[in-house]
């Protein structure tokens, strides 16, 4: 009977030892299962809708990234040389050429001569911008008035030699006549310069000069 009791005690102790070992490993099993489950969850996770704050931050980051990308890709405009800029400026106003007959301004008021430096061109009062001719109505002396009459008649003769073109001048004063300053050209050459060469006018210096004495 003593031997049977000893065997029972040994069997019960072995069972308790096995149970204790199983109970000690249980938390490791649970931890391993949690890790595996987390990996599976992350592999199959689909992002949900963004909140308003998250969407604003994301859009701001995307805009900054696009701005930086455009600045990096788009080349900066090259500065053109000064000569090219001058050539790009609009050309001066150019009136149509006229090859008809010129008159002394009396009853005819389309194309006629007022004095040695003032004309009517298609009814428009124009001053030859590059010359100063002797005055007639506002002459300071008889000598100036006489020379002004000669310049007036000669200008009409030169204009009747062929077609002329008017180009608006940037420099040149309207003077008392309130006439728009233009260069009167024929074949690209100034008729005013011709008047100066013939002694009937002087180059324009910004003011009317004296023709007396």
N, C-alpha and C. Protein backbone atom coordinates (compact mmCIF):
# COMPACT_ATOMS: atom_id res chain seq x y z
N UNK A 1 0.83 -1.21 0.00
CA UNK A 1 0.00 0.00 0.00
C UNK A 1 0.86 1.26 0.00
N UNK A 2 2.00 1.16 0.63
CA UNK A 2 2.89 2.33 0.69
C UNK A 2 3.38 2.71 -0.69
N UNK A 3 3.70 1.77 -1.54
CA UNK A 3 4.20 2.02 -2.88
C UNK A 3 3.17 2.71 -3.74
N UNK A 4 1.89 2.35 -3.66
CA UNK A 4 0.85 2.97 -4.47
C UNK A 4 0.69 4.43 -4.10
N UNK A 5 0.75 4.75 -2.85
CA UNK A 5 0.60 6.15 -2.41
C UNK A 5 1.71 7.00 -2.96
N UNK A 6 2.92 6.46 -2.98
CA UNK A 6 4.08 7.22 -3.49
C UNK A 6 3.92 7.52 -4.96
N UNK A 7 3.40 6.56 -5.76
CA UNK A 7 3.22 6.78 -7.18
C UNK A 7 2.21 7.88 -7.46
N UNK A 8 1.09 7.90 -6.59
CA UNK A 8 0.08 8.93 -6.81
C UNK A 8 0.66 10.31 -6.57
N UNK A 9 1.45 10.43 -5.54
CA UNK A 9 2.04 11.72 -5.23
C UNK A 9 2.95 12.18 -6.35
N UNK A 10 3.76 11.29 -6.92
CA UNK A 10 4.63 11.68 -8.01
C UNK A 10 3.85 12.11 -9.23
N UNK A 11 2.75 11.39 -9.52
CA UNK A 11 1.94 11.75 -10.71
C UNK A 11 1.32 13.10 -10.55
N UNK A 12 0.76 13.37 -9.35
CA UNK A 12 0.13 14.67 -9.11
C UNK A 12 1.15 15.80 -9.22
N UNK A 13 2.36 15.60 -8.75
CA UNK A 13 3.40 16.65 -8.84
C UNK A 13 3.81 16.94 -10.26
N UNK A 14 3.87 15.88 -11.08
CA UNK A 14 4.24 16.08 -12.50
C UNK A 14 3.20 16.88 -13.23
N UNK A 15 1.90 16.59 -12.90
CA UNK A 15 0.83 17.31 -13.57
C UNK A 15 0.89 18.79 -13.20
N UNK A 16 1.12 19.05 -11.89
CA UNK A 16 1.17 20.47 -11.47
C UNK A 16 2.35 21.20 -12.14
N UNK A 17 3.48 20.52 -12.30
CA UNK A 17 4.65 21.15 -12.94
C UNK A 17 4.39 21.49 -14.39
N UNK A 18 3.67 20.57 -15.09
CA UNK A 18 3.34 20.82 -16.51
C UNK A 18 2.39 21.98 -16.66
N UNK A 19 1.39 22.04 -15.74
CA UNK A 19 0.41 23.13 -15.79
C UNK A 19 1.07 24.46 -15.52
N UNK A 20 2.04 24.44 -14.57
CA UNK A 20 2.74 25.70 -14.25
C UNK A 20 3.54 26.19 -15.44
N UNK A 21 4.18 25.20 -16.13
CA UNK A 21 4.95 25.62 -17.30
C UNK A 21 4.05 26.20 -18.39
N UNK A 22 2.86 25.54 -18.59
CA UNK A 22 1.93 26.06 -19.61
C UNK A 22 1.43 27.44 -19.23
N UNK A 23 1.12 27.64 -17.96
CA UNK A 23 0.64 28.96 -17.53
C UNK A 23 1.70 30.02 -17.68
N UNK A 24 2.98 29.71 -17.52
CA UNK A 24 4.06 30.70 -17.68
C UNK A 24 4.28 31.11 -19.12
N UNK A 25 3.93 30.26 -20.07
CA UNK A 25 4.11 30.58 -21.51
C UNK A 25 2.91 31.28 -22.11
N UNK A 26 1.82 31.37 -21.40
CA UNK A 26 0.58 31.90 -21.98
C UNK A 26 0.74 33.36 -22.44
N UNK A 27 1.41 34.21 -21.64
CA UNK A 27 1.50 35.63 -22.02
C UNK A 27 2.37 35.81 -23.27
N UNK A 28 3.32 34.92 -23.49
CA UNK A 28 4.11 35.00 -24.72
C UNK A 28 3.26 34.66 -25.94
N UNK A 29 2.33 33.64 -25.77
CA UNK A 29 1.42 33.31 -26.87
C UNK A 29 0.54 34.51 -27.21
N UNK A 30 0.02 35.17 -26.17
CA UNK A 30 -0.87 36.32 -26.40
C UNK A 30 -0.12 37.47 -27.10
N UNK A 31 1.13 37.73 -26.68
CA UNK A 31 1.93 38.79 -27.29
C UNK A 31 2.23 38.51 -28.76
N UNK A 32 2.56 37.23 -29.05
CA UNK A 32 2.83 36.85 -30.45
C UNK A 32 1.61 37.02 -31.31
N UNK A 33 0.43 36.61 -30.79
CA UNK A 33 -0.81 36.75 -31.56
C UNK A 33 -1.11 38.22 -31.83
N UNK A 34 -0.84 39.10 -30.85
CA UNK A 34 -1.10 40.53 -31.05
C UNK A 34 -0.21 41.13 -32.13
N UNK A 35 1.07 40.74 -32.15
CA UNK A 35 2.00 41.24 -33.16
C UNK A 35 1.57 40.82 -34.55
N UNK A 36 1.22 39.52 -34.70
CA UNK A 36 0.78 39.02 -36.02
C UNK A 36 -0.48 39.73 -36.46
N UNK A 37 -1.42 39.92 -35.52
CA UNK A 37 -2.67 40.61 -35.87
C UNK A 37 -2.42 42.05 -36.29
N UNK A 38 -1.48 42.73 -35.63
CA UNK A 38 -1.17 44.11 -36.01
C UNK A 38 -0.58 44.21 -37.41
N UNK A 39 0.29 43.26 -37.74
CA UNK A 39 0.90 43.27 -39.09
C UNK A 39 -0.17 43.07 -40.16
N UNK A 40 -1.07 42.12 -39.90
CA UNK A 40 -2.15 41.85 -40.87
C UNK A 40 -3.04 43.07 -41.01
N UNK A 41 -3.32 43.75 -39.90
CA UNK A 41 -4.19 44.94 -39.93
C UNK A 41 -3.56 46.05 -40.76
N UNK A 42 -2.26 46.30 -40.55
CA UNK A 42 -1.59 47.37 -41.28
C UNK A 42 -1.51 47.08 -42.77
N UNK A 43 -1.34 45.78 -43.11
CA UNK A 43 -1.29 45.43 -44.55
C UNK A 43 -2.61 45.68 -45.23
N UNK A 44 -3.71 45.53 -44.53
CA UNK A 44 -5.04 45.66 -45.13
C UNK A 44 -5.72 46.97 -44.76
N UNK A 45 -4.96 47.92 -44.15
CA UNK A 45 -5.58 49.17 -43.70
C UNK A 45 -5.79 50.11 -44.88
N UNK A 46 -6.98 50.68 -44.97
CA UNK A 46 -7.32 51.65 -46.01
C UNK A 46 -7.57 52.98 -45.32
N UNK A 47 -6.86 54.09 -45.72
CA UNK A 47 -7.03 55.38 -45.05
C UNK A 47 -8.44 55.92 -45.20
N UNK A 48 -8.96 56.40 -44.12
CA UNK A 48 -10.31 56.95 -44.12
C UNK A 48 -10.32 58.38 -44.59
N UNK A 49 -11.48 59.04 -44.61
CA UNK A 49 -11.56 60.45 -45.06
C UNK A 49 -10.80 61.38 -44.15
N UNK A 50 -10.13 62.42 -44.77
CA UNK A 50 -9.37 63.39 -44.00
C UNK A 50 -10.30 64.33 -43.26
N UNK A 51 -9.87 64.79 -42.11
CA UNK A 51 -10.61 65.83 -41.41
C UNK A 51 -10.35 67.15 -42.11
N UNK A 52 -11.12 68.20 -41.74
CA UNK A 52 -10.96 69.51 -42.38
C UNK A 52 -9.58 70.08 -42.14
N UNK A 53 -9.09 69.98 -40.90
CA UNK A 53 -7.76 70.52 -40.58
C UNK A 53 -6.67 69.79 -41.35
N UNK A 54 -6.80 68.46 -41.42
CA UNK A 54 -5.79 67.67 -42.14
C UNK A 54 -5.80 68.02 -43.63
N UNK A 55 -7.01 68.21 -44.20
CA UNK A 55 -7.10 68.56 -45.63
C UNK A 55 -6.47 69.90 -45.93
N UNK A 56 -6.65 70.90 -45.03
CA UNK A 56 -6.06 72.23 -45.25
C UNK A 56 -4.54 72.15 -45.22
N UNK A 57 -4.01 71.40 -44.23
CA UNK A 57 -2.55 71.28 -44.13
C UNK A 57 -1.98 70.58 -45.37
N UNK A 58 -2.68 69.56 -45.82
CA UNK A 58 -2.20 68.81 -47.01
C UNK A 58 -2.20 69.70 -48.25
N UNK A 59 -3.30 70.45 -48.44
CA UNK A 59 -3.39 71.33 -49.62
C UNK A 59 -2.31 72.39 -49.58
N UNK A 60 -2.04 72.95 -48.39
CA UNK A 60 -1.00 73.97 -48.26
C UNK A 60 0.36 73.42 -48.63
N UNK A 61 0.65 72.21 -48.16
CA UNK A 61 1.94 71.59 -48.47
C UNK A 61 2.07 71.34 -49.97
N UNK A 62 0.95 70.87 -50.62
CA UNK A 62 0.99 70.59 -52.06
C UNK A 62 1.21 71.88 -52.86
N UNK A 63 0.55 73.01 -52.44
CA UNK A 63 0.73 74.27 -53.15
C UNK A 63 2.16 74.75 -53.07
N UNK A 64 2.77 74.65 -51.88
CA UNK A 64 4.16 75.07 -51.73
C UNK A 64 5.08 74.23 -52.61
N UNK A 65 4.79 72.94 -52.68
CA UNK A 65 5.63 72.06 -53.50
C UNK A 65 5.51 72.41 -54.98
N UNK A 66 4.26 72.71 -55.43
CA UNK A 66 4.07 73.07 -56.83
C UNK A 66 4.75 74.40 -57.15
N UNK A 67 4.66 75.37 -56.21
CA UNK A 67 5.30 76.67 -56.44
C UNK A 67 6.80 76.52 -56.60
N UNK A 68 7.41 75.75 -55.72
CA UNK A 68 8.85 75.52 -55.80
C UNK A 68 9.21 74.83 -57.11
N UNK A 69 8.36 73.88 -57.54
CA UNK A 69 8.64 73.15 -58.78
C UNK A 69 8.55 74.08 -59.99
N UNK A 70 7.53 74.99 -60.01
CA UNK A 70 7.41 75.92 -61.13
C UNK A 70 8.59 76.88 -61.19
N UNK A 71 9.01 77.38 -60.02
CA UNK A 71 10.15 78.29 -60.00
C UNK A 71 11.42 77.61 -60.48
N UNK A 72 11.53 76.32 -60.21
CA UNK A 72 12.72 75.60 -60.64
C UNK A 72 12.70 75.31 -62.13
N UNK A 73 11.48 75.13 -62.70
CA UNK A 73 11.37 74.72 -64.10
C UNK A 73 11.36 75.92 -65.03
N UNK A 74 10.56 76.99 -64.68
CA UNK A 74 10.41 78.11 -65.59
C UNK A 74 11.68 78.95 -65.64
N UNK A 75 12.23 79.21 -66.83
CA UNK A 75 13.45 80.04 -66.93
C UNK A 75 13.09 81.51 -66.74
N UNK A 76 13.99 82.27 -66.18
CA UNK A 76 13.78 83.69 -66.01
C UNK A 76 14.00 84.41 -67.34
N UNK A 77 13.16 85.46 -67.62
CA UNK A 77 13.34 86.17 -68.90
C UNK A 77 14.68 86.86 -68.97
N UNK A 78 15.28 86.80 -70.15
CA UNK A 78 16.57 87.44 -70.35
C UNK A 78 16.37 88.92 -70.65
N UNK A 79 17.25 89.75 -70.14
CA UNK A 79 17.20 91.17 -70.41
C UNK A 79 17.75 91.45 -71.80
N UNK A 80 16.94 92.22 -72.56
CA UNK A 80 17.36 92.55 -73.91
C UNK A 80 18.32 93.73 -73.89
N UNK A 81 19.26 93.76 -74.81
CA UNK A 81 20.18 94.91 -74.89
C UNK A 81 19.41 96.19 -75.15
N UNK A 82 20.03 97.32 -74.81
CA UNK A 82 19.37 98.62 -74.97
C UNK A 82 19.02 98.90 -76.42
N UNK A 83 19.85 98.43 -77.36
CA UNK A 83 19.57 98.67 -78.78
C UNK A 83 18.28 97.99 -79.21
N UNK A 84 18.05 96.76 -78.72
CA UNK A 84 16.82 96.05 -79.09
C UNK A 84 15.61 96.74 -78.50
N UNK A 85 15.73 97.30 -77.28
CA UNK A 85 14.60 97.99 -76.67
C UNK A 85 14.23 99.22 -77.47
N UNK A 86 15.25 99.96 -77.94
CA UNK A 86 14.97 101.14 -78.73
C UNK A 86 14.28 100.78 -80.04
N UNK A 87 14.70 99.67 -80.66
CA UNK A 87 14.08 99.26 -81.91
C UNK A 87 12.64 98.82 -81.71
N UNK A 88 12.30 98.38 -80.49
CA UNK A 88 10.94 97.91 -80.23
C UNK A 88 9.98 99.05 -79.97
N UNK A 89 10.45 100.30 -79.82
CA UNK A 89 9.58 101.43 -79.57
C UNK A 89 8.72 101.70 -80.80
N UNK A 90 7.47 102.16 -80.58
CA UNK A 90 6.60 102.42 -81.73
C UNK A 90 7.15 103.54 -82.60
N UNK A 91 6.95 103.42 -83.90
CA UNK A 91 7.43 104.43 -84.84
C UNK A 91 6.63 105.70 -84.71
N UNK A 92 7.22 106.82 -85.10
CA UNK A 92 6.53 108.10 -85.02
C UNK A 92 5.36 108.13 -86.00
N UNK A 93 4.38 109.00 -85.69
CA UNK A 93 3.20 109.11 -86.55
C UNK A 93 3.62 109.58 -87.94
N UNK A 94 3.12 108.88 -88.95
CA UNK A 94 3.46 109.22 -90.33
C UNK A 94 2.17 109.43 -91.11
N UNK A 95 2.03 110.63 -91.68
CA UNK A 95 0.84 110.96 -92.45
C UNK A 95 1.00 110.49 -93.90
N UNK A 96 -0.10 110.24 -94.59
CA UNK A 96 -0.01 109.79 -95.99
C UNK A 96 0.70 110.81 -96.87
N UNK A 97 1.42 110.32 -97.86
CA UNK A 97 2.14 111.21 -98.78
C UNK A 97 1.15 111.99 -99.63
N UNK A 98 1.57 113.18 -100.05
CA UNK A 98 0.73 114.04 -100.92
C UNK A 98 1.58 114.51 -102.09
N UNK A 99 1.00 114.36 -103.29
CA UNK A 99 1.74 114.75 -104.51
C UNK A 99 0.94 115.73 -105.36
N UNK A 100 -0.10 116.33 -104.76
CA UNK A 100 -0.91 117.27 -105.53
C UNK A 100 -0.31 118.67 -105.53
N UNK A 101 -1.13 119.65 -105.94
CA UNK A 101 -0.67 121.03 -106.07
C UNK A 101 -0.84 121.78 -104.75
N UNK A 102 0.15 122.59 -104.43
CA UNK A 102 0.12 123.41 -103.24
C UNK A 102 -0.21 124.85 -103.62
N UNK A 103 -0.92 125.54 -102.70
CA UNK A 103 -1.35 126.91 -102.92
C UNK A 103 -0.86 127.79 -101.77
N UNK A 104 -1.01 129.10 -101.97
CA UNK A 104 -0.85 130.04 -100.86
C UNK A 104 -2.20 130.09 -100.14
N UNK A 105 -2.17 130.00 -98.84
CA UNK A 105 -3.42 129.89 -98.08
C UNK A 105 -4.23 131.18 -98.16
N UNK A 106 -5.28 131.15 -98.98
CA UNK A 106 -6.26 132.25 -99.06
C UNK A 106 -7.63 131.61 -98.97
N UNK A 107 -8.16 131.20 -100.13
CA UNK A 107 -9.44 130.48 -100.11
C UNK A 107 -9.22 128.97 -100.03
N UNK A 108 -8.08 128.50 -100.52
CA UNK A 108 -7.77 127.08 -100.49
C UNK A 108 -7.19 126.73 -99.12
N UNK A 109 -7.78 125.73 -98.43
CA UNK A 109 -7.38 125.44 -97.05
C UNK A 109 -7.05 123.97 -96.82
N UNK A 110 -6.80 123.21 -97.88
CA UNK A 110 -6.45 121.81 -97.68
C UNK A 110 -4.94 121.63 -97.67
N UNK A 111 -4.28 122.00 -98.75
CA UNK A 111 -2.82 121.90 -98.86
C UNK A 111 -2.32 123.26 -99.34
N UNK A 112 -1.85 124.04 -98.38
CA UNK A 112 -1.40 125.38 -98.72
C UNK A 112 -0.33 125.85 -97.75
N UNK A 113 0.33 126.98 -98.09
CA UNK A 113 1.45 127.50 -97.31
C UNK A 113 1.01 128.77 -96.60
N UNK A 114 1.23 128.81 -95.28
CA UNK A 114 0.89 129.98 -94.48
C UNK A 114 2.07 130.95 -94.39
N UNK A 115 3.27 130.42 -94.15
CA UNK A 115 4.49 131.23 -94.15
C UNK A 115 5.67 130.30 -94.42
N UNK A 116 6.88 130.81 -94.20
CA UNK A 116 8.07 130.03 -94.57
C UNK A 116 8.29 128.77 -93.74
N UNK A 117 7.54 128.58 -92.66
CA UNK A 117 7.72 127.37 -91.85
C UNK A 117 6.40 126.76 -91.38
N UNK A 118 5.28 127.25 -91.94
CA UNK A 118 3.96 126.75 -91.50
C UNK A 118 3.10 126.45 -92.71
N UNK A 119 2.45 125.28 -92.70
CA UNK A 119 1.60 124.86 -93.80
C UNK A 119 0.31 124.27 -93.26
N UNK A 120 -0.65 124.09 -94.17
CA UNK A 120 -1.85 123.32 -93.87
C UNK A 120 -1.75 122.02 -94.66
N UNK A 121 -1.81 120.91 -93.98
CA UNK A 121 -1.68 119.60 -94.62
C UNK A 121 -2.97 118.85 -94.38
N UNK A 122 -3.77 118.68 -95.44
CA UNK A 122 -5.12 118.10 -95.34
C UNK A 122 -5.93 118.87 -94.31
N UNK A 123 -5.77 120.20 -94.30
CA UNK A 123 -6.50 121.05 -93.39
C UNK A 123 -5.92 121.10 -91.99
N UNK A 124 -4.84 120.42 -91.75
CA UNK A 124 -4.21 120.37 -90.43
C UNK A 124 -3.03 121.33 -90.40
N UNK A 125 -2.98 122.18 -89.37
CA UNK A 125 -1.92 123.16 -89.27
C UNK A 125 -0.64 122.49 -88.78
N UNK A 126 0.41 122.61 -89.58
CA UNK A 126 1.67 121.92 -89.30
C UNK A 126 2.83 122.90 -89.37
N UNK A 127 3.76 122.76 -88.44
CA UNK A 127 4.97 123.57 -88.44
C UNK A 127 6.17 122.71 -88.80
N UNK A 128 7.03 123.19 -89.69
CA UNK A 128 8.26 122.48 -90.02
C UNK A 128 9.15 122.51 -88.78
N UNK A 129 9.32 121.35 -88.15
CA UNK A 129 9.90 121.29 -86.81
C UNK A 129 11.38 121.64 -86.76
N UNK A 130 12.09 121.52 -87.88
CA UNK A 130 13.56 121.66 -87.83
C UNK A 130 14.06 123.01 -88.31
N UNK A 131 13.15 123.97 -88.57
CA UNK A 131 13.62 125.27 -89.06
C UNK A 131 12.92 126.43 -88.35
N UNK A 132 13.54 127.58 -88.46
CA UNK A 132 12.96 128.85 -88.01
C UNK A 132 13.01 129.80 -89.19
N UNK A 133 11.83 130.15 -89.72
CA UNK A 133 11.76 131.02 -90.90
C UNK A 133 11.37 132.43 -90.47
N UNK A 134 11.68 133.43 -91.29
CA UNK A 134 11.29 134.81 -90.96
C UNK A 134 9.78 134.94 -90.85
N UNK A 135 9.33 135.73 -89.87
CA UNK A 135 7.90 135.93 -89.68
C UNK A 135 7.37 136.95 -90.68
N UNK A 136 6.04 136.93 -90.89
CA UNK A 136 5.39 137.88 -91.79
C UNK A 136 4.44 138.77 -91.00
N UNK A 137 3.40 138.16 -90.43
CA UNK A 137 2.41 138.93 -89.68
C UNK A 137 3.01 139.52 -88.41
N UNK A 138 3.91 138.80 -87.77
CA UNK A 138 4.50 139.27 -86.52
C UNK A 138 5.97 139.63 -86.70
N UNK A 139 6.33 140.11 -87.88
CA UNK A 139 7.72 140.51 -88.16
C UNK A 139 8.12 141.69 -87.28
N UNK A 140 9.36 141.68 -86.84
CA UNK A 140 9.88 142.75 -85.99
C UNK A 140 10.40 143.95 -86.79
N UNK A 141 10.55 143.73 -88.10
CA UNK A 141 11.02 144.82 -88.96
C UNK A 141 10.62 144.53 -90.40
N UNK A 142 10.76 145.52 -91.26
CA UNK A 142 10.40 145.35 -92.67
C UNK A 142 11.29 144.33 -93.35
N UNK A 143 12.56 144.28 -92.94
CA UNK A 143 13.49 143.32 -93.55
C UNK A 143 13.04 141.89 -93.25
N UNK A 144 12.61 141.64 -92.03
CA UNK A 144 12.14 140.28 -91.69
C UNK A 144 10.86 139.95 -92.46
N UNK A 145 9.95 140.94 -92.57
CA UNK A 145 8.70 140.70 -93.29
C UNK A 145 8.97 140.39 -94.76
N UNK A 146 9.90 141.07 -95.36
CA UNK A 146 10.24 140.85 -96.76
C UNK A 146 10.87 139.45 -96.95
N UNK A 147 11.78 139.11 -96.09
CA UNK A 147 12.43 137.80 -96.19
C UNK A 147 11.41 136.70 -95.88
N UNK A 148 10.45 136.99 -95.01
CA UNK A 148 9.41 136.01 -94.73
C UNK A 148 8.55 135.73 -95.95
N UNK A 149 8.25 136.78 -96.73
CA UNK A 149 7.47 136.59 -97.96
C UNK A 149 8.24 135.75 -98.97
N UNK A 150 9.55 135.98 -99.07
CA UNK A 150 10.37 135.19 -100.00
C UNK A 150 10.39 133.71 -99.57
N UNK A 151 10.53 133.46 -98.27
CA UNK A 151 10.57 132.08 -97.77
C UNK A 151 9.24 131.37 -98.01
N UNK A 152 8.16 132.10 -97.88
CA UNK A 152 6.82 131.53 -98.11
C UNK A 152 6.65 131.10 -99.56
N UNK A 153 7.02 131.95 -100.49
CA UNK A 153 6.86 131.60 -101.90
C UNK A 153 7.81 130.46 -102.29
N UNK A 154 9.01 130.48 -101.75
CA UNK A 154 9.97 129.41 -102.09
C UNK A 154 9.53 128.07 -101.52
N UNK A 155 8.98 128.06 -100.32
CA UNK A 155 8.51 126.80 -99.74
C UNK A 155 7.41 126.19 -100.60
N UNK A 156 6.52 127.05 -101.13
CA UNK A 156 5.47 126.53 -102.01
C UNK A 156 6.07 125.90 -103.27
N UNK A 157 7.10 126.53 -103.84
CA UNK A 157 7.73 125.99 -105.04
C UNK A 157 8.36 124.62 -104.75
N UNK A 158 9.04 124.51 -103.63
CA UNK A 158 9.69 123.24 -103.29
C UNK A 158 8.65 122.14 -103.06
N UNK A 159 7.55 122.46 -102.38
CA UNK A 159 6.50 121.46 -102.12
C UNK A 159 5.87 120.98 -103.43
N UNK A 160 5.76 121.84 -104.42
CA UNK A 160 5.14 121.47 -105.69
C UNK A 160 6.08 120.67 -106.60
N UNK A 161 7.29 120.41 -106.17
CA UNK A 161 8.22 119.64 -106.99
C UNK A 161 7.93 118.14 -106.96
N UNK A 162 7.14 117.68 -106.04
CA UNK A 162 6.84 116.24 -105.96
C UNK A 162 6.17 115.90 -104.65
N UNK A 163 5.96 114.60 -104.47
CA UNK A 163 5.23 114.17 -103.28
C UNK A 163 6.06 114.39 -102.01
N UNK A 164 5.37 114.64 -100.91
CA UNK A 164 6.00 114.85 -99.61
C UNK A 164 5.29 114.01 -98.57
N UNK A 165 6.03 113.70 -97.51
CA UNK A 165 5.48 112.92 -96.40
C UNK A 165 5.79 113.64 -95.10
N UNK A 166 4.84 113.59 -94.17
CA UNK A 166 5.02 114.24 -92.88
C UNK A 166 5.20 113.20 -91.79
N UNK A 167 6.19 113.43 -90.93
CA UNK A 167 6.46 112.56 -89.78
C UNK A 167 6.45 113.41 -88.53
N UNK A 168 5.66 113.01 -87.53
CA UNK A 168 5.57 113.76 -86.28
C UNK A 168 6.93 113.81 -85.61
N UNK A 169 7.31 115.00 -85.13
CA UNK A 169 8.61 115.20 -84.50
C UNK A 169 8.45 115.24 -82.99
N UNK A 170 9.39 114.56 -82.27
CA UNK A 170 9.36 114.58 -80.81
C UNK A 170 9.83 115.92 -80.27
N UNK A 171 10.76 116.56 -80.98
CA UNK A 171 11.28 117.86 -80.55
C UNK A 171 10.76 118.93 -81.49
N UNK A 172 10.71 120.14 -80.98
CA UNK A 172 10.21 121.25 -81.79
C UNK A 172 8.99 121.86 -81.14
N UNK A 173 8.95 123.16 -81.06
CA UNK A 173 7.86 123.84 -80.38
C UNK A 173 6.77 124.23 -81.36
N UNK A 174 5.54 124.33 -80.83
CA UNK A 174 4.43 124.78 -81.66
C UNK A 174 4.53 126.28 -81.93
N UNK A 175 5.11 126.99 -80.97
CA UNK A 175 5.23 128.43 -81.13
C UNK A 175 3.88 129.11 -81.05
N UNK A 176 3.84 130.38 -81.49
CA UNK A 176 2.61 131.16 -81.41
C UNK A 176 1.56 130.68 -82.41
N UNK A 177 2.00 129.95 -83.42
CA UNK A 177 1.05 129.49 -84.45
C UNK A 177 0.21 128.31 -83.98
N UNK A 178 0.59 127.67 -82.86
CA UNK A 178 -0.14 126.50 -82.33
C UNK A 178 -0.24 125.41 -83.39
N UNK A 179 0.85 125.21 -84.13
CA UNK A 179 0.88 124.19 -85.17
C UNK A 179 1.69 122.99 -84.68
N UNK A 180 1.25 121.80 -85.03
CA UNK A 180 1.93 120.58 -84.61
C UNK A 180 3.27 120.46 -85.34
N UNK A 181 4.37 120.25 -84.61
CA UNK A 181 5.69 120.16 -85.27
C UNK A 181 5.85 118.83 -86.01
N UNK A 182 6.22 118.88 -87.26
CA UNK A 182 6.46 117.71 -88.09
C UNK A 182 7.71 117.94 -88.95
N UNK A 183 8.30 116.83 -89.35
CA UNK A 183 9.34 116.89 -90.37
C UNK A 183 8.67 116.66 -91.72
N UNK A 184 8.93 117.56 -92.65
CA UNK A 184 8.39 117.44 -94.01
C UNK A 184 9.49 116.83 -94.87
N UNK A 185 9.21 115.63 -95.41
CA UNK A 185 10.25 114.87 -96.10
C UNK A 185 9.86 114.60 -97.55
N UNK A 186 10.90 114.49 -98.36
CA UNK A 186 10.76 113.99 -99.73
C UNK A 186 11.94 113.07 -99.98
N UNK A 187 11.64 111.82 -100.27
CA UNK A 187 12.70 110.84 -100.48
C UNK A 187 13.56 110.65 -99.24
N UNK A 188 12.97 110.84 -98.05
CA UNK A 188 13.72 110.69 -96.82
C UNK A 188 14.56 111.90 -96.44
N UNK A 189 14.55 112.95 -97.27
CA UNK A 189 15.33 114.15 -97.01
C UNK A 189 14.42 115.29 -96.54
N UNK A 190 14.90 116.05 -95.55
CA UNK A 190 14.09 117.13 -94.97
C UNK A 190 14.04 118.33 -95.91
N UNK A 191 12.83 118.80 -96.18
CA UNK A 191 12.66 120.02 -96.96
C UNK A 191 13.12 121.23 -96.14
N UNK A 192 12.98 121.14 -94.83
CA UNK A 192 13.46 122.22 -93.98
C UNK A 192 14.95 122.43 -94.12
N UNK A 193 15.73 121.35 -94.19
CA UNK A 193 17.18 121.48 -94.39
C UNK A 193 17.49 122.17 -95.71
N UNK A 194 16.68 121.91 -96.71
CA UNK A 194 16.90 122.56 -98.00
C UNK A 194 16.66 124.06 -97.89
N UNK A 195 15.64 124.45 -97.13
CA UNK A 195 15.38 125.87 -96.91
C UNK A 195 16.55 126.53 -96.19
N UNK A 196 17.16 125.81 -95.26
CA UNK A 196 18.32 126.35 -94.53
C UNK A 196 19.50 126.51 -95.48
N UNK A 197 19.73 125.52 -96.34
CA UNK A 197 20.85 125.59 -97.27
C UNK A 197 20.71 126.77 -98.24
N UNK A 198 19.46 127.09 -98.59
CA UNK A 198 19.23 128.19 -99.53
C UNK A 198 19.19 129.55 -98.83
N UNK A 199 19.40 129.56 -97.52
CA UNK A 199 19.45 130.83 -96.79
C UNK A 199 18.10 131.43 -96.48
N UNK A 200 17.03 130.65 -96.65
CA UNK A 200 15.68 131.14 -96.41
C UNK A 200 15.17 130.82 -95.01
N UNK A 201 15.92 130.04 -94.25
CA UNK A 201 15.53 129.67 -92.88
C UNK A 201 16.78 129.36 -92.08
N UNK A 202 16.62 129.25 -90.77
CA UNK A 202 17.71 128.88 -89.87
C UNK A 202 17.31 127.60 -89.12
N UNK A 203 18.29 126.81 -88.67
CA UNK A 203 17.95 125.62 -87.88
C UNK A 203 17.21 126.03 -86.60
N UNK A 204 16.23 125.22 -86.22
CA UNK A 204 15.44 125.51 -85.02
C UNK A 204 16.27 125.27 -83.77
N UNK A 205 16.33 126.30 -82.90
CA UNK A 205 17.12 126.21 -81.67
C UNK A 205 16.26 126.22 -80.41
N UNK A 206 14.96 126.19 -80.58
CA UNK A 206 14.06 126.20 -79.42
C UNK A 206 13.31 127.51 -79.26
N UNK A 207 13.70 128.53 -80.01
CA UNK A 207 13.00 129.82 -79.96
C UNK A 207 13.19 130.57 -81.28
N UNK A 208 12.26 131.49 -81.54
CA UNK A 208 12.33 132.27 -82.77
C UNK A 208 13.49 133.25 -82.70
N UNK A 209 14.27 133.32 -83.76
CA UNK A 209 15.44 134.20 -83.81
C UNK A 209 15.11 135.49 -84.56
N UNK A 210 15.93 136.48 -84.33
CA UNK A 210 15.71 137.78 -85.00
C UNK A 210 16.28 137.74 -86.41
N UNK A 211 15.49 138.31 -87.32
CA UNK A 211 15.95 138.41 -88.71
C UNK A 211 16.18 139.88 -89.09
N UNK A 212 16.24 140.73 -88.13
CA UNK A 212 16.45 142.15 -88.38
C UNK A 212 17.94 142.51 -88.19
N UNK A 213 18.47 143.39 -89.03
CA UNK A 213 19.84 143.84 -88.90
C UNK A 213 20.84 142.94 -89.61
